[in-house]
């Protein structure tokens, strides 16, 4: 697959998108979701409106950095099944954080008794959690456009010290 589809950096065309405006998930409880993202992860709520397509439903957004938004809807009175890992579903949403943010989130999660996985499997710069709605999240200490310490997008640079901002314990 790699040889067949992956072009060398200099041979790739420029993307036709400006970036991710927002990704939107469905939540069970607006207040619980707002508390989780603001208190544990430090993502400020920046907008909350009534859903244009469904009266009584709330659509709200968090600032997740770099002009990217994380959105949610609630649908009161609708029974939605729990989030599952399936074709077309979300395996996880990886959010780039620096070492300070990673450490602060980890401390807040520990203090509240929120379970998470990682750092593990030789990867010291990731931890995996599920939000109150079951949305799988990865907090990833890697700069945007960098993967496993290597730049994969034009202009993206790994940390100068090579450790990607990893928190050492």
N, C-alpha and C. Protein backbone atom coordinates (compact mmCIF):
# COMPACT_ATOMS: atom_id res chain seq x y z
N UNK A 1 0.82 -1.19 0.00
CA UNK A 1 0.00 0.00 0.00
C UNK A 1 0.87 1.25 0.00
N UNK A 2 1.89 1.23 0.84
CA UNK A 2 2.75 2.41 0.96
C UNK A 2 3.38 2.74 -0.39
N UNK A 3 3.98 1.73 -1.04
CA UNK A 3 4.63 1.98 -2.34
C UNK A 3 3.62 2.37 -3.41
N UNK A 4 2.44 1.81 -3.32
CA UNK A 4 1.44 2.05 -4.35
C UNK A 4 0.82 3.45 -4.27
N UNK A 5 0.57 3.94 -3.06
CA UNK A 5 -0.20 5.18 -2.92
C UNK A 5 0.55 6.37 -2.33
N UNK A 6 1.53 6.13 -1.47
CA UNK A 6 2.19 7.24 -0.79
C UNK A 6 3.24 7.87 -1.69
N UNK A 7 3.03 9.12 -2.04
CA UNK A 7 3.98 9.84 -2.88
C UNK A 7 5.03 10.52 -2.00
N UNK A 8 6.21 10.70 -2.55
CA UNK A 8 7.25 11.44 -1.86
C UNK A 8 6.75 12.86 -1.62
N UNK A 9 7.23 13.49 -0.56
CA UNK A 9 6.74 14.81 -0.17
C UNK A 9 6.78 15.80 -1.33
N UNK A 10 7.84 15.82 -2.11
CA UNK A 10 7.96 16.77 -3.22
C UNK A 10 7.04 16.46 -4.39
N UNK A 11 6.49 15.25 -4.44
CA UNK A 11 5.62 14.85 -5.55
C UNK A 11 4.13 14.94 -5.21
N UNK A 12 3.81 15.31 -3.98
CA UNK A 12 2.41 15.37 -3.57
C UNK A 12 1.79 16.70 -4.00
N UNK A 13 0.54 16.66 -4.46
CA UNK A 13 -0.13 17.93 -4.75
C UNK A 13 -0.52 18.62 -3.44
N UNK A 14 -0.73 19.92 -3.51
CA UNK A 14 -1.22 20.66 -2.34
C UNK A 14 -2.65 20.20 -2.05
N UNK A 15 -3.01 20.20 -0.79
CA UNK A 15 -4.38 19.84 -0.42
C UNK A 15 -5.37 20.87 -0.92
N UNK A 16 -6.59 20.45 -1.10
CA UNK A 16 -7.64 21.37 -1.56
C UNK A 16 -8.47 21.90 -0.39
N UNK A 17 -8.19 21.46 0.84
CA UNK A 17 -8.94 21.93 2.02
C UNK A 17 -8.14 22.97 2.78
N UNK A 18 -8.84 23.79 3.53
CA UNK A 18 -8.19 24.77 4.41
C UNK A 18 -7.87 24.18 5.78
N UNK A 19 -8.41 23.02 6.09
CA UNK A 19 -8.24 22.40 7.39
C UNK A 19 -9.57 21.90 7.90
N UNK A 20 -9.59 21.45 9.14
CA UNK A 20 -10.82 20.97 9.76
C UNK A 20 -11.50 22.17 10.41
N UNK A 21 -12.71 22.49 9.99
CA UNK A 21 -13.46 23.55 10.66
C UNK A 21 -13.97 23.03 12.00
N UNK A 22 -14.69 21.92 11.94
CA UNK A 22 -15.11 21.26 13.17
C UNK A 22 -15.49 19.81 12.87
N UNK A 23 -15.45 19.03 13.88
CA UNK A 23 -16.00 17.68 13.86
C UNK A 23 -17.09 17.70 14.93
N UNK A 24 -18.21 17.03 14.68
CA UNK A 24 -19.31 17.08 15.63
C UNK A 24 -19.72 15.68 16.07
N UNK A 25 -19.91 15.52 17.36
CA UNK A 25 -20.35 14.27 17.96
C UNK A 25 -21.71 14.49 18.62
N UNK A 26 -22.35 13.41 18.99
CA UNK A 26 -23.61 13.47 19.72
C UNK A 26 -23.30 13.23 21.20
N UNK A 27 -23.90 14.05 22.06
CA UNK A 27 -23.69 13.87 23.50
C UNK A 27 -24.98 13.49 24.19
N UNK A 28 -24.82 12.89 25.37
CA UNK A 28 -25.98 12.53 26.20
C UNK A 28 -26.45 13.70 27.04
N UNK A 29 -25.49 14.46 27.57
CA UNK A 29 -25.80 15.51 28.54
C UNK A 29 -24.89 16.71 28.26
N UNK A 30 -25.50 17.84 27.93
CA UNK A 30 -24.73 19.03 27.56
C UNK A 30 -23.84 19.48 28.71
N UNK A 31 -24.41 19.63 29.91
CA UNK A 31 -23.62 20.14 31.03
C UNK A 31 -22.47 19.22 31.40
N UNK A 32 -22.70 17.92 31.42
CA UNK A 32 -21.64 16.95 31.72
C UNK A 32 -20.52 17.05 30.68
N UNK A 33 -20.89 17.21 29.43
CA UNK A 33 -19.90 17.32 28.35
C UNK A 33 -19.10 18.61 28.48
N UNK A 34 -19.78 19.72 28.76
CA UNK A 34 -19.09 21.00 28.93
C UNK A 34 -18.12 20.92 30.10
N UNK A 35 -18.56 20.38 31.22
CA UNK A 35 -17.66 20.28 32.38
C UNK A 35 -16.43 19.44 32.05
N UNK A 36 -16.62 18.31 31.39
CA UNK A 36 -15.49 17.43 31.07
C UNK A 36 -14.47 18.16 30.20
N UNK A 37 -14.90 18.75 29.11
CA UNK A 37 -13.96 19.37 28.18
C UNK A 37 -13.32 20.64 28.74
N UNK A 38 -14.06 21.40 29.53
CA UNK A 38 -13.47 22.61 30.11
C UNK A 38 -12.60 22.30 31.32
N UNK A 39 -13.09 21.47 32.24
CA UNK A 39 -12.38 21.25 33.49
C UNK A 39 -11.21 20.28 33.37
N UNK A 40 -11.38 19.19 32.64
CA UNK A 40 -10.32 18.19 32.56
C UNK A 40 -9.34 18.46 31.42
N UNK A 41 -9.86 18.92 30.30
CA UNK A 41 -8.99 19.09 29.14
C UNK A 41 -8.62 20.54 28.86
N UNK A 42 -9.31 21.48 29.47
CA UNK A 42 -8.96 22.89 29.29
C UNK A 42 -9.38 23.47 27.96
N UNK A 43 -10.42 22.94 27.36
CA UNK A 43 -10.92 23.46 26.07
C UNK A 43 -12.09 24.40 26.35
N UNK A 44 -11.94 25.69 26.10
CA UNK A 44 -13.02 26.62 26.40
C UNK A 44 -14.22 26.45 25.47
N UNK A 45 -15.41 26.55 26.06
CA UNK A 45 -16.64 26.58 25.28
C UNK A 45 -16.70 27.94 24.59
N UNK A 46 -16.88 27.95 23.26
CA UNK A 46 -16.85 29.22 22.52
C UNK A 46 -18.16 29.58 21.86
N UNK A 47 -19.09 28.63 21.74
CA UNK A 47 -20.39 28.92 21.15
C UNK A 47 -21.38 27.86 21.56
N UNK A 48 -22.62 28.29 21.75
CA UNK A 48 -23.71 27.37 22.05
C UNK A 48 -24.98 27.96 21.43
N UNK A 49 -25.62 27.18 20.56
CA UNK A 49 -26.81 27.64 19.84
C UNK A 49 -27.82 26.50 19.77
N UNK A 50 -29.04 26.86 19.40
CA UNK A 50 -30.02 25.81 19.14
C UNK A 50 -29.72 25.20 17.78
N UNK A 51 -29.82 23.89 17.68
CA UNK A 51 -29.61 23.18 16.43
C UNK A 51 -30.63 23.67 15.40
N UNK A 52 -30.15 24.08 14.24
CA UNK A 52 -31.02 24.60 13.18
C UNK A 52 -31.97 23.53 12.63
N UNK A 53 -31.57 22.28 12.74
CA UNK A 53 -32.34 21.20 12.12
C UNK A 53 -33.29 20.48 13.07
N UNK A 54 -33.15 20.72 14.37
CA UNK A 54 -33.95 19.97 15.33
C UNK A 54 -34.23 20.86 16.54
N UNK A 55 -35.43 21.39 16.64
CA UNK A 55 -35.78 22.27 17.77
C UNK A 55 -35.60 21.54 19.10
N UNK A 56 -35.05 22.27 20.06
CA UNK A 56 -34.81 21.69 21.37
C UNK A 56 -33.46 21.02 21.51
N UNK A 57 -32.75 20.90 20.40
CA UNK A 57 -31.42 20.30 20.40
C UNK A 57 -30.38 21.42 20.47
N UNK A 58 -29.32 21.17 21.20
CA UNK A 58 -28.25 22.14 21.37
C UNK A 58 -27.06 21.76 20.50
N UNK A 59 -26.44 22.76 19.89
CA UNK A 59 -25.19 22.58 19.13
C UNK A 59 -24.17 23.50 19.78
N UNK A 60 -23.05 22.93 20.21
CA UNK A 60 -22.06 23.75 20.92
C UNK A 60 -20.65 23.35 20.52
N UNK A 61 -19.72 24.30 20.72
CA UNK A 61 -18.36 24.15 20.21
C UNK A 61 -17.32 24.51 21.26
N UNK A 62 -16.22 23.75 21.23
CA UNK A 62 -15.05 24.02 22.05
C UNK A 62 -13.89 24.43 21.15
N UNK A 63 -13.05 25.32 21.65
CA UNK A 63 -11.81 25.70 20.97
C UNK A 63 -10.77 24.64 21.30
N UNK A 64 -10.27 23.93 20.26
CA UNK A 64 -9.23 22.93 20.49
C UNK A 64 -7.89 23.36 19.88
N UNK A 65 -7.76 24.67 19.62
CA UNK A 65 -6.50 25.22 19.14
C UNK A 65 -6.41 25.32 17.63
N UNK A 66 -5.52 26.19 17.17
CA UNK A 66 -5.25 26.37 15.73
C UNK A 66 -6.51 26.66 14.92
N UNK A 67 -7.46 27.38 15.52
CA UNK A 67 -8.73 27.70 14.86
C UNK A 67 -9.55 26.46 14.51
N UNK A 68 -9.36 25.38 15.24
CA UNK A 68 -10.15 24.16 15.07
C UNK A 68 -11.19 24.08 16.18
N UNK A 69 -12.35 23.56 15.83
CA UNK A 69 -13.44 23.45 16.78
C UNK A 69 -13.86 22.00 16.96
N UNK A 70 -14.27 21.67 18.18
CA UNK A 70 -14.85 20.37 18.48
C UNK A 70 -16.31 20.63 18.83
N UNK A 71 -17.22 20.06 18.06
CA UNK A 71 -18.64 20.33 18.24
C UNK A 71 -19.41 19.14 18.78
N UNK A 72 -20.53 19.45 19.38
CA UNK A 72 -21.44 18.43 19.90
C UNK A 72 -22.88 18.85 19.65
N UNK A 73 -23.73 17.86 19.51
CA UNK A 73 -25.18 18.03 19.49
C UNK A 73 -25.75 17.19 20.62
N UNK A 74 -26.87 17.64 21.17
CA UNK A 74 -27.67 16.74 21.99
C UNK A 74 -29.02 16.60 21.30
N UNK A 75 -29.65 15.49 21.48
CA UNK A 75 -30.97 15.23 20.89
C UNK A 75 -31.89 14.72 21.99
N UNK A 76 -32.43 15.63 22.81
CA UNK A 76 -33.30 15.21 23.91
C UNK A 76 -34.46 14.35 23.41
N UNK A 77 -34.73 13.29 24.15
CA UNK A 77 -35.84 12.42 23.80
C UNK A 77 -35.49 11.33 22.80
N UNK A 78 -34.27 11.34 22.28
CA UNK A 78 -33.83 10.30 21.35
C UNK A 78 -32.89 9.36 22.08
N UNK A 79 -33.11 8.09 21.91
CA UNK A 79 -32.27 7.09 22.55
C UNK A 79 -31.20 6.64 21.55
N UNK A 80 -29.99 7.14 21.72
CA UNK A 80 -28.89 6.77 20.84
C UNK A 80 -28.06 5.68 21.49
N UNK A 81 -27.63 4.68 20.71
CA UNK A 81 -26.79 3.63 21.29
C UNK A 81 -25.41 4.20 21.65
N UNK A 82 -24.70 3.53 22.55
CA UNK A 82 -23.36 3.98 22.92
C UNK A 82 -22.42 3.98 21.71
N UNK A 83 -21.38 4.80 21.79
CA UNK A 83 -20.37 4.86 20.73
C UNK A 83 -19.72 3.49 20.58
N UNK A 84 -19.51 3.07 19.34
CA UNK A 84 -18.84 1.80 19.08
C UNK A 84 -17.78 2.00 18.01
N UNK A 85 -16.80 1.13 18.02
CA UNK A 85 -15.76 1.15 16.99
C UNK A 85 -16.27 0.30 15.84
N UNK A 86 -16.59 0.95 14.73
CA UNK A 86 -17.16 0.26 13.59
C UNK A 86 -16.76 0.99 12.31
N UNK A 87 -16.94 0.35 11.18
CA UNK A 87 -16.64 0.99 9.90
C UNK A 87 -17.47 2.26 9.80
N UNK A 88 -16.82 3.36 9.47
CA UNK A 88 -17.48 4.65 9.38
C UNK A 88 -17.57 5.37 10.71
N UNK A 89 -17.20 4.69 11.78
CA UNK A 89 -17.21 5.30 13.11
C UNK A 89 -15.85 5.90 13.42
N UNK A 90 -15.73 6.43 14.60
CA UNK A 90 -14.47 7.05 15.03
C UNK A 90 -13.69 6.03 15.86
N UNK A 91 -12.47 5.72 15.43
CA UNK A 91 -11.61 4.84 16.22
C UNK A 91 -11.06 5.65 17.40
N UNK A 92 -10.59 6.87 17.13
CA UNK A 92 -10.27 7.84 18.16
C UNK A 92 -9.98 9.18 17.51
N UNK A 93 -10.06 10.23 18.30
CA UNK A 93 -9.71 11.57 17.87
C UNK A 93 -8.45 11.95 18.62
N UNK A 94 -7.34 12.14 17.90
CA UNK A 94 -6.06 12.48 18.52
C UNK A 94 -5.92 14.00 18.57
N UNK A 95 -5.70 14.51 19.77
CA UNK A 95 -5.58 15.95 19.98
C UNK A 95 -4.15 16.27 20.38
N UNK A 96 -3.51 17.15 19.62
CA UNK A 96 -2.13 17.54 19.89
C UNK A 96 -2.08 18.45 21.11
N UNK A 97 -1.25 18.07 22.08
CA UNK A 97 -1.05 18.89 23.28
C UNK A 97 0.44 18.98 23.57
N UNK A 98 0.83 20.04 24.29
CA UNK A 98 2.23 20.14 24.68
C UNK A 98 2.43 19.43 26.02
N UNK A 99 3.68 19.35 26.46
CA UNK A 99 4.00 18.61 27.69
C UNK A 99 3.27 19.17 28.90
N UNK A 100 3.15 20.49 28.98
CA UNK A 100 2.46 21.12 30.11
C UNK A 100 0.98 20.74 30.12
N UNK A 101 0.34 20.81 28.96
CA UNK A 101 -1.08 20.46 28.86
C UNK A 101 -1.29 18.98 29.17
N UNK A 102 -0.40 18.14 28.67
CA UNK A 102 -0.49 16.69 28.90
C UNK A 102 -0.44 16.40 30.40
N UNK A 103 0.54 16.99 31.07
CA UNK A 103 0.71 16.78 32.50
C UNK A 103 -0.49 17.30 33.29
N UNK A 104 -0.99 18.48 32.94
CA UNK A 104 -2.14 19.06 33.64
C UNK A 104 -3.39 18.20 33.45
N UNK A 105 -3.62 17.73 32.25
CA UNK A 105 -4.79 16.88 31.99
C UNK A 105 -4.67 15.58 32.77
N UNK A 106 -3.49 15.01 32.78
CA UNK A 106 -3.28 13.74 33.50
C UNK A 106 -3.54 13.92 34.99
N UNK A 107 -3.05 15.02 35.56
CA UNK A 107 -3.27 15.29 36.99
C UNK A 107 -4.76 15.48 37.28
N UNK A 108 -5.46 16.22 36.43
CA UNK A 108 -6.89 16.46 36.63
C UNK A 108 -7.67 15.15 36.53
N UNK A 109 -7.32 14.32 35.57
CA UNK A 109 -7.99 13.03 35.41
C UNK A 109 -7.73 12.13 36.62
N UNK A 110 -6.46 12.09 37.07
CA UNK A 110 -6.11 11.29 38.25
C UNK A 110 -6.87 11.77 39.48
N UNK A 111 -6.90 13.08 39.70
CA UNK A 111 -7.57 13.64 40.88
C UNK A 111 -9.06 13.32 40.89
N UNK A 112 -9.66 13.25 39.71
CA UNK A 112 -11.10 12.97 39.62
C UNK A 112 -11.41 11.48 39.51
N UNK A 113 -10.36 10.65 39.44
CA UNK A 113 -10.57 9.21 39.32
C UNK A 113 -11.07 8.78 37.95
N UNK A 114 -10.80 9.58 36.93
CA UNK A 114 -11.20 9.23 35.57
C UNK A 114 -10.18 8.25 35.00
N UNK A 115 -10.65 7.11 34.51
CA UNK A 115 -9.76 6.09 33.97
C UNK A 115 -9.24 6.47 32.59
N UNK A 116 -8.00 6.09 32.33
CA UNK A 116 -7.40 6.28 31.01
C UNK A 116 -6.35 5.20 30.80
N UNK A 117 -5.94 5.04 29.56
CA UNK A 117 -4.88 4.10 29.20
C UNK A 117 -3.66 4.89 28.78
N UNK A 118 -2.48 4.40 29.15
CA UNK A 118 -1.24 5.03 28.74
C UNK A 118 -0.72 5.92 29.85
N UNK A 119 0.42 6.51 29.63
CA UNK A 119 1.35 6.12 28.58
C UNK A 119 1.73 4.64 28.73
N UNK A 120 1.80 3.96 27.59
CA UNK A 120 2.08 2.53 27.61
C UNK A 120 2.70 2.08 26.30
N UNK A 121 2.86 0.80 26.16
CA UNK A 121 3.39 0.13 24.97
C UNK A 121 4.59 0.84 24.34
N UNK A 122 5.43 1.41 25.22
CA UNK A 122 6.63 2.09 24.74
C UNK A 122 6.36 3.48 24.21
N UNK A 123 5.13 3.92 24.30
CA UNK A 123 4.78 5.26 23.82
C UNK A 123 4.50 6.12 25.05
N UNK A 124 5.42 7.02 25.33
CA UNK A 124 5.31 7.84 26.54
C UNK A 124 4.56 9.14 26.31
N UNK A 125 4.13 9.37 25.08
CA UNK A 125 3.56 10.68 24.76
C UNK A 125 2.08 10.63 24.41
N UNK A 126 1.40 9.55 24.74
CA UNK A 126 -0.03 9.42 24.45
C UNK A 126 -0.77 8.87 25.66
N UNK A 127 -2.00 9.35 25.84
CA UNK A 127 -2.91 8.68 26.75
C UNK A 127 -4.29 8.69 26.11
N UNK A 128 -5.03 7.65 26.39
CA UNK A 128 -6.33 7.43 25.77
C UNK A 128 -7.43 7.47 26.83
N UNK A 129 -8.46 8.22 26.53
CA UNK A 129 -9.60 8.33 27.44
C UNK A 129 -10.89 8.29 26.62
N UNK A 130 -11.97 8.10 27.32
CA UNK A 130 -13.29 8.25 26.70
C UNK A 130 -13.99 9.38 27.42
N UNK A 131 -14.59 10.25 26.64
CA UNK A 131 -15.35 11.33 27.27
C UNK A 131 -16.64 10.76 27.85
N UNK A 132 -17.46 11.56 28.53
CA UNK A 132 -18.68 11.02 29.14
C UNK A 132 -19.66 10.40 28.15
N UNK A 133 -19.48 10.68 26.87
CA UNK A 133 -20.36 10.14 25.83
C UNK A 133 -19.79 8.90 25.17
N UNK A 134 -18.60 8.50 25.60
CA UNK A 134 -17.95 7.34 25.00
C UNK A 134 -17.07 7.68 23.82
N UNK A 135 -16.90 8.98 23.52
CA UNK A 135 -16.05 9.38 22.40
C UNK A 135 -14.60 9.06 22.76
N UNK A 136 -13.91 8.26 21.94
CA UNK A 136 -12.52 7.90 22.24
C UNK A 136 -11.57 9.03 21.84
N UNK A 137 -10.76 9.46 22.81
CA UNK A 137 -9.82 10.56 22.60
C UNK A 137 -8.40 10.10 22.91
N UNK A 138 -7.46 10.65 22.18
CA UNK A 138 -6.04 10.48 22.49
C UNK A 138 -5.45 11.85 22.72
N UNK A 139 -4.80 12.04 23.85
CA UNK A 139 -4.00 13.24 24.06
C UNK A 139 -2.60 12.87 23.63
N UNK A 140 -2.10 13.59 22.64
CA UNK A 140 -0.88 13.20 21.93
C UNK A 140 0.12 14.34 21.99
N UNK A 141 1.26 14.08 22.62
CA UNK A 141 2.32 15.08 22.73
C UNK A 141 3.17 15.07 21.47
N UNK A 142 2.62 15.56 20.43
CA UNK A 142 3.34 15.62 19.15
C UNK A 142 2.83 16.86 18.44
N UNK A 143 3.74 17.57 17.81
CA UNK A 143 3.34 18.76 17.07
C UNK A 143 2.47 18.38 15.88
N UNK A 144 1.60 19.30 15.48
CA UNK A 144 0.77 19.07 14.30
C UNK A 144 1.65 18.85 13.08
N UNK A 145 1.28 17.89 12.24
CA UNK A 145 2.03 17.60 11.03
C UNK A 145 3.25 16.72 11.25
N UNK A 146 3.44 16.25 12.49
CA UNK A 146 4.57 15.38 12.83
C UNK A 146 3.99 14.06 13.33
N UNK A 147 4.61 12.95 12.92
CA UNK A 147 4.18 11.63 13.38
C UNK A 147 5.40 10.80 13.72
N UNK A 148 5.42 10.25 14.92
CA UNK A 148 6.57 9.47 15.41
C UNK A 148 7.88 10.21 15.24
N UNK A 149 7.85 11.52 15.54
CA UNK A 149 9.06 12.32 15.50
C UNK A 149 9.51 12.77 14.13
N UNK A 150 8.76 12.42 13.10
CA UNK A 150 9.12 12.78 11.73
C UNK A 150 8.09 13.73 11.14
N UNK A 151 8.57 14.76 10.45
CA UNK A 151 7.68 15.69 9.76
C UNK A 151 7.03 14.97 8.59
N UNK A 152 5.68 15.01 8.51
CA UNK A 152 4.99 14.39 7.38
C UNK A 152 4.21 15.42 6.57
N UNK A 153 4.22 16.68 7.01
CA UNK A 153 3.57 17.75 6.27
C UNK A 153 4.56 18.90 6.06
N UNK A 154 4.44 19.61 4.95
CA UNK A 154 5.34 20.74 4.70
C UNK A 154 5.28 21.76 5.84
N UNK A 155 6.43 22.20 6.29
CA UNK A 155 6.51 23.22 7.33
C UNK A 155 6.40 22.68 8.74
N UNK A 156 6.06 21.42 8.91
CA UNK A 156 5.96 20.82 10.25
C UNK A 156 7.35 20.41 10.70
N UNK A 157 7.67 20.74 11.93
CA UNK A 157 8.98 20.40 12.47
C UNK A 157 8.83 19.71 13.82
N UNK A 158 9.57 18.60 14.01
CA UNK A 158 9.57 17.96 15.33
C UNK A 158 10.26 18.89 16.34
N UNK A 159 10.05 18.64 17.63
CA UNK A 159 10.74 19.42 18.65
C UNK A 159 12.24 19.32 18.44
N UNK A 160 12.94 20.41 18.73
CA UNK A 160 14.39 20.45 18.52
C UNK A 160 15.13 19.40 19.33
N UNK A 161 14.65 19.11 20.54
CA UNK A 161 15.35 18.13 21.38
C UNK A 161 15.03 16.70 21.01
N UNK A 162 14.10 16.53 20.04
CA UNK A 162 13.81 15.19 19.54
C UNK A 162 12.89 14.36 20.40
N UNK A 163 12.48 14.89 21.58
CA UNK A 163 11.63 14.05 22.42
C UNK A 163 10.15 14.39 22.29
N UNK A 164 9.79 15.25 21.35
CA UNK A 164 8.41 15.60 21.05
C UNK A 164 7.68 16.19 22.25
N UNK A 165 8.41 16.72 23.22
CA UNK A 165 7.76 17.32 24.37
C UNK A 165 7.30 16.31 25.40
N UNK A 166 7.84 15.12 25.35
CA UNK A 166 7.42 14.05 26.24
C UNK A 166 7.67 14.41 27.70
N UNK A 167 6.70 14.13 28.54
CA UNK A 167 6.85 14.31 29.97
C UNK A 167 7.65 13.13 30.51
N UNK A 168 8.72 13.39 31.19
CA UNK A 168 9.54 12.33 31.79
C UNK A 168 9.11 12.16 33.24
N UNK A 169 8.87 10.92 33.64
CA UNK A 169 8.46 10.67 35.03
C UNK A 169 9.53 9.91 35.77
